[in-house]
């Protein structure tokens, strides 16, 4: 009888720990891997990131923030966020990954006018300061100039020739943004803060 009670107690403790981790992962922080070359040389394929989720509950992203978002999906409620976390765990159990989770840099906020001229990005008629160190930026399927709508942001990959970003799929709803990249945790020799 004592062994059964101890087993039940252990199971309850384990389930409580799992629920706490899932809640923290849904609402406070997450870990995310980089897949692809779209953010080279800032982030590289295989990098492992710490993503902070709290600040965007009350604030809009800022220009220059590196964000993780779900392309074509929104999480408008806390329940939506928890459902996404459950779906992610289910995918991991089956050895799959979410294909629409992307990492990009915010370059335009609501009301900003984005233009691409002579392979350079302009926001409100001012060339982005980082443009001189980035590959030429070509237009894609989106027509410019573009005014960023309310509650949306314009995002670009730092590796512009190899990035699927707002030039292709348009602006990103703020409810699609899961969080802000704070830190590269892996590889250890490339540990870096992005705050």
Protein backbone atom coordinates (compact mmCIF):
# COMPACT_ATOMS: atom_id res chain seq x y z
CA UNK A 1 0.00 0.00 0.00
CA UNK A 2 2.83 2.40 0.85
CA UNK A 3 4.48 1.74 -2.52
CA UNK A 4 1.23 2.64 -4.33
CA UNK A 5 0.92 5.91 -2.37
CA UNK A 6 4.54 6.79 -3.15
CA UNK A 7 4.01 6.02 -6.84
CA UNK A 8 0.87 8.19 -6.96
CA UNK A 9 2.70 11.00 -5.16
CA UNK A 10 5.58 10.79 -7.66
CA UNK A 11 3.17 10.83 -10.62
CA UNK A 12 1.35 13.89 -9.21
CA UNK A 13 4.66 15.71 -8.67
CA UNK A 14 5.80 14.84 -12.19
CA UNK A 15 2.52 15.99 -13.75
CA UNK A 16 2.65 19.24 -11.74
CA UNK A 17 6.19 19.90 -12.96
CA UNK A 18 5.14 19.24 -16.57
CA UNK A 19 2.18 21.64 -16.29
CA UNK A 20 4.40 24.35 -14.75
CA UNK A 21 6.97 23.98 -17.54
CA UNK A 22 4.23 24.16 -20.16
CA UNK A 23 2.76 27.30 -18.59
CA UNK A 24 6.18 28.97 -18.44
CA UNK A 25 6.85 27.89 -22.03
CA UNK A 26 3.49 29.28 -23.18
CA UNK A 27 3.58 32.65 -21.44
CA UNK A 28 7.03 33.56 -20.11
CA UNK A 29 9.89 32.15 -22.19
CA UNK A 30 10.65 29.53 -24.79
CA UNK A 31 13.59 27.97 -26.52
CA UNK A 32 13.71 28.02 -30.29
CA UNK A 33 16.10 26.73 -32.90
CA UNK A 34 17.12 28.50 -36.10
CA UNK A 35 16.47 26.59 -39.29
CA UNK A 36 17.83 28.06 -42.50
CA UNK A 37 20.03 30.93 -43.60
CA UNK A 38 17.60 33.88 -43.61
CA UNK A 39 19.17 35.64 -40.61
CA UNK A 40 22.86 35.06 -41.46
CA UNK A 41 25.22 36.52 -40.20
CA UNK A 42 23.29 37.56 -37.11
CA UNK A 43 21.83 34.10 -36.50
CA UNK A 44 22.92 30.90 -38.20
CA UNK A 45 21.35 27.58 -39.02
CA UNK A 46 21.40 25.40 -35.89
CA UNK A 47 21.61 28.26 -33.38
CA UNK A 48 19.56 27.70 -30.21
CA UNK A 49 17.78 30.77 -28.83
CA UNK A 50 16.13 31.97 -25.61
CA UNK A 51 12.90 33.81 -26.44
CA UNK A 52 11.20 36.16 -23.97
CA UNK A 53 7.40 36.44 -24.24
CA UNK A 54 6.29 38.86 -21.51
CA UNK A 55 7.25 42.29 -22.89
CA UNK A 56 4.95 42.08 -25.93
CA UNK A 57 1.86 41.58 -23.76
CA UNK A 58 1.84 45.30 -23.04
CA UNK A 59 4.22 46.77 -25.61
CA UNK A 60 4.60 46.74 -29.37
CA UNK A 61 7.83 45.32 -30.74
CA UNK A 62 10.49 47.93 -31.44
CA UNK A 63 12.38 48.46 -34.65
CA UNK A 64 15.45 46.26 -34.64
CA UNK A 65 13.91 43.57 -32.40
CA UNK A 66 14.52 40.02 -33.57
CA UNK A 67 11.21 38.20 -33.17
CA UNK A 68 9.86 34.68 -33.41
CA UNK A 69 6.40 34.45 -34.99
CA UNK A 70 3.97 32.03 -36.56
CA UNK A 71 3.44 32.90 -40.20
CA UNK A 72 -0.26 32.83 -41.01
CA UNK A 73 -1.34 32.01 -37.44
CA UNK A 74 -2.47 34.25 -34.62
CA UNK A 75 -2.68 33.64 -30.88
CA UNK A 76 -5.15 36.23 -29.65
CA UNK A 77 -5.88 34.70 -26.24
CA UNK A 78 -3.92 32.98 -23.50
CA UNK A 79 -5.76 29.78 -24.35
CA UNK A 80 -4.55 30.08 -27.97
CA UNK A 81 -0.96 30.36 -26.72
CA UNK A 82 -1.34 27.30 -24.51
CA UNK A 83 -2.91 25.35 -27.39
CA UNK A 84 0.08 26.24 -29.59
CA UNK A 85 2.45 24.94 -26.90
CA UNK A 86 0.47 21.69 -26.66
CA UNK A 87 0.58 21.33 -30.45
CA UNK A 88 4.36 21.94 -30.40
CA UNK A 89 4.88 19.19 -27.80
CA UNK A 90 2.74 16.86 -29.89
CA UNK A 91 4.88 17.61 -32.96
CA UNK A 92 8.08 16.95 -30.99
CA UNK A 93 6.75 13.62 -29.75
CA UNK A 94 6.21 12.62 -33.38
CA UNK A 95 9.61 13.90 -34.50
CA UNK A 96 8.16 16.81 -36.47
CA UNK A 97 8.72 20.57 -36.39
CA UNK A 98 6.42 23.51 -36.98
CA UNK A 99 7.17 24.78 -40.48
CA UNK A 100 5.60 28.23 -40.06
CA UNK A 101 7.67 29.40 -37.06
CA UNK A 102 10.04 32.06 -38.40
CA UNK A 103 12.67 34.39 -36.99
CA UNK A 104 13.09 37.87 -38.52
CA UNK A 105 14.00 41.46 -37.66
CA UNK A 106 11.31 44.11 -37.18
CA UNK A 107 11.99 47.08 -39.47
CA UNK A 108 8.56 48.74 -39.69
CA UNK A 109 5.84 49.55 -37.15
CA UNK A 110 2.19 50.57 -37.64
CA UNK A 111 1.96 53.72 -39.77
CA UNK A 112 5.50 53.44 -41.13
CA UNK A 113 5.91 53.72 -44.89
CA UNK A 114 8.29 51.10 -46.26
CA UNK A 115 9.99 51.58 -49.61
CA UNK A 116 12.68 49.60 -51.37
CA UNK A 117 14.63 51.76 -53.80
CA UNK A 118 17.96 50.97 -55.51
CA UNK A 119 18.17 47.76 -53.44
CA UNK A 120 17.99 49.71 -50.17
CA UNK A 121 15.22 49.73 -47.55
CA UNK A 122 13.73 53.06 -46.52
CA UNK A 123 11.39 53.61 -43.58
CA UNK A 124 9.56 56.95 -43.72
CA UNK A 125 12.02 58.14 -46.40
CA UNK A 126 15.09 57.36 -44.25
CA UNK A 127 17.43 54.57 -45.29
CA UNK A 128 17.84 51.93 -42.60
CA UNK A 129 21.14 52.47 -40.82
CA UNK A 130 22.11 48.81 -41.18
CA UNK A 131 21.61 48.75 -44.94
CA UNK A 132 25.23 49.55 -45.74
CA UNK A 133 26.34 46.25 -44.16
CA UNK A 134 23.62 44.06 -45.66
CA UNK A 135 23.29 42.42 -49.06
CA UNK A 136 21.18 44.33 -51.60
CA UNK A 137 17.46 44.12 -50.90
CA UNK A 138 15.23 43.36 -53.85
CA UNK A 139 11.47 43.64 -53.99
CA UNK A 140 9.34 40.54 -54.23
CA UNK A 141 5.58 40.11 -54.63
CA UNK A 142 4.55 42.99 -52.32
CA UNK A 143 4.00 46.38 -53.97
CA UNK A 144 5.92 49.31 -52.51
CA UNK A 145 5.60 51.84 -51.00
CA UNK A 146 3.69 50.00 -48.29
CA UNK A 147 2.12 51.54 -45.20
CA UNK A 148 2.28 49.16 -42.23
CA UNK A 149 -1.30 48.60 -40.97
CA UNK A 150 -2.42 48.92 -37.34
CA UNK A 151 -1.38 46.01 -35.10
CA UNK A 152 1.10 44.71 -37.66
CA UNK A 153 4.85 44.91 -38.24
CA UNK A 154 7.07 44.66 -41.31
CA UNK A 155 9.87 42.10 -40.93
CA UNK A 156 12.97 41.24 -42.94
CA UNK A 157 15.68 38.63 -42.68
CA UNK A 158 19.22 39.95 -42.35
CA UNK A 159 20.31 37.70 -45.23
CA UNK A 160 18.06 39.52 -47.69
CA UNK A 161 18.72 37.45 -50.85
CA UNK A 162 17.79 34.25 -48.99
CA UNK A 163 14.92 35.37 -46.79
CA UNK A 164 11.21 34.65 -47.05
CA UNK A 165 9.85 37.74 -45.27
CA UNK A 166 7.37 40.63 -45.48
CA UNK A 167 8.47 41.32 -49.04
CA UNK A 168 6.74 38.04 -49.95
CA UNK A 169 3.98 37.41 -47.41
CA UNK A 170 3.24 40.96 -46.22
CA UNK A 171 3.11 42.39 -42.73
CA UNK A 172 2.88 40.22 -39.62
CA UNK A 173 0.02 40.54 -37.13
CA UNK A 174 1.34 41.31 -33.65
CA UNK A 175 -0.79 38.41 -32.36
CA UNK A 176 1.36 36.11 -34.49
CA UNK A 177 4.51 37.16 -32.62
CA UNK A 178 5.50 34.68 -29.93
CA UNK A 179 8.34 36.66 -28.43
CA UNK A 180 11.61 38.52 -28.68
CA UNK A 181 14.94 36.78 -29.09
CA UNK A 182 17.03 37.61 -26.01
CA UNK A 183 20.00 35.33 -26.20
CA UNK A 184 21.80 32.85 -28.42
CA UNK A 185 22.53 29.90 -26.13
CA UNK A 186 24.15 27.58 -28.66
CA UNK A 187 26.78 27.21 -29.92
CA UNK A 188 28.51 28.17 -26.68
CA UNK A 189 31.38 29.91 -28.47
CA UNK A 190 28.79 32.25 -30.07
CA UNK A 191 26.84 33.13 -26.92
CA UNK A 192 25.33 36.55 -27.56
CA UNK A 193 22.64 38.82 -26.10
CA UNK A 194 20.21 40.60 -28.42
CA UNK A 195 18.51 42.73 -25.77
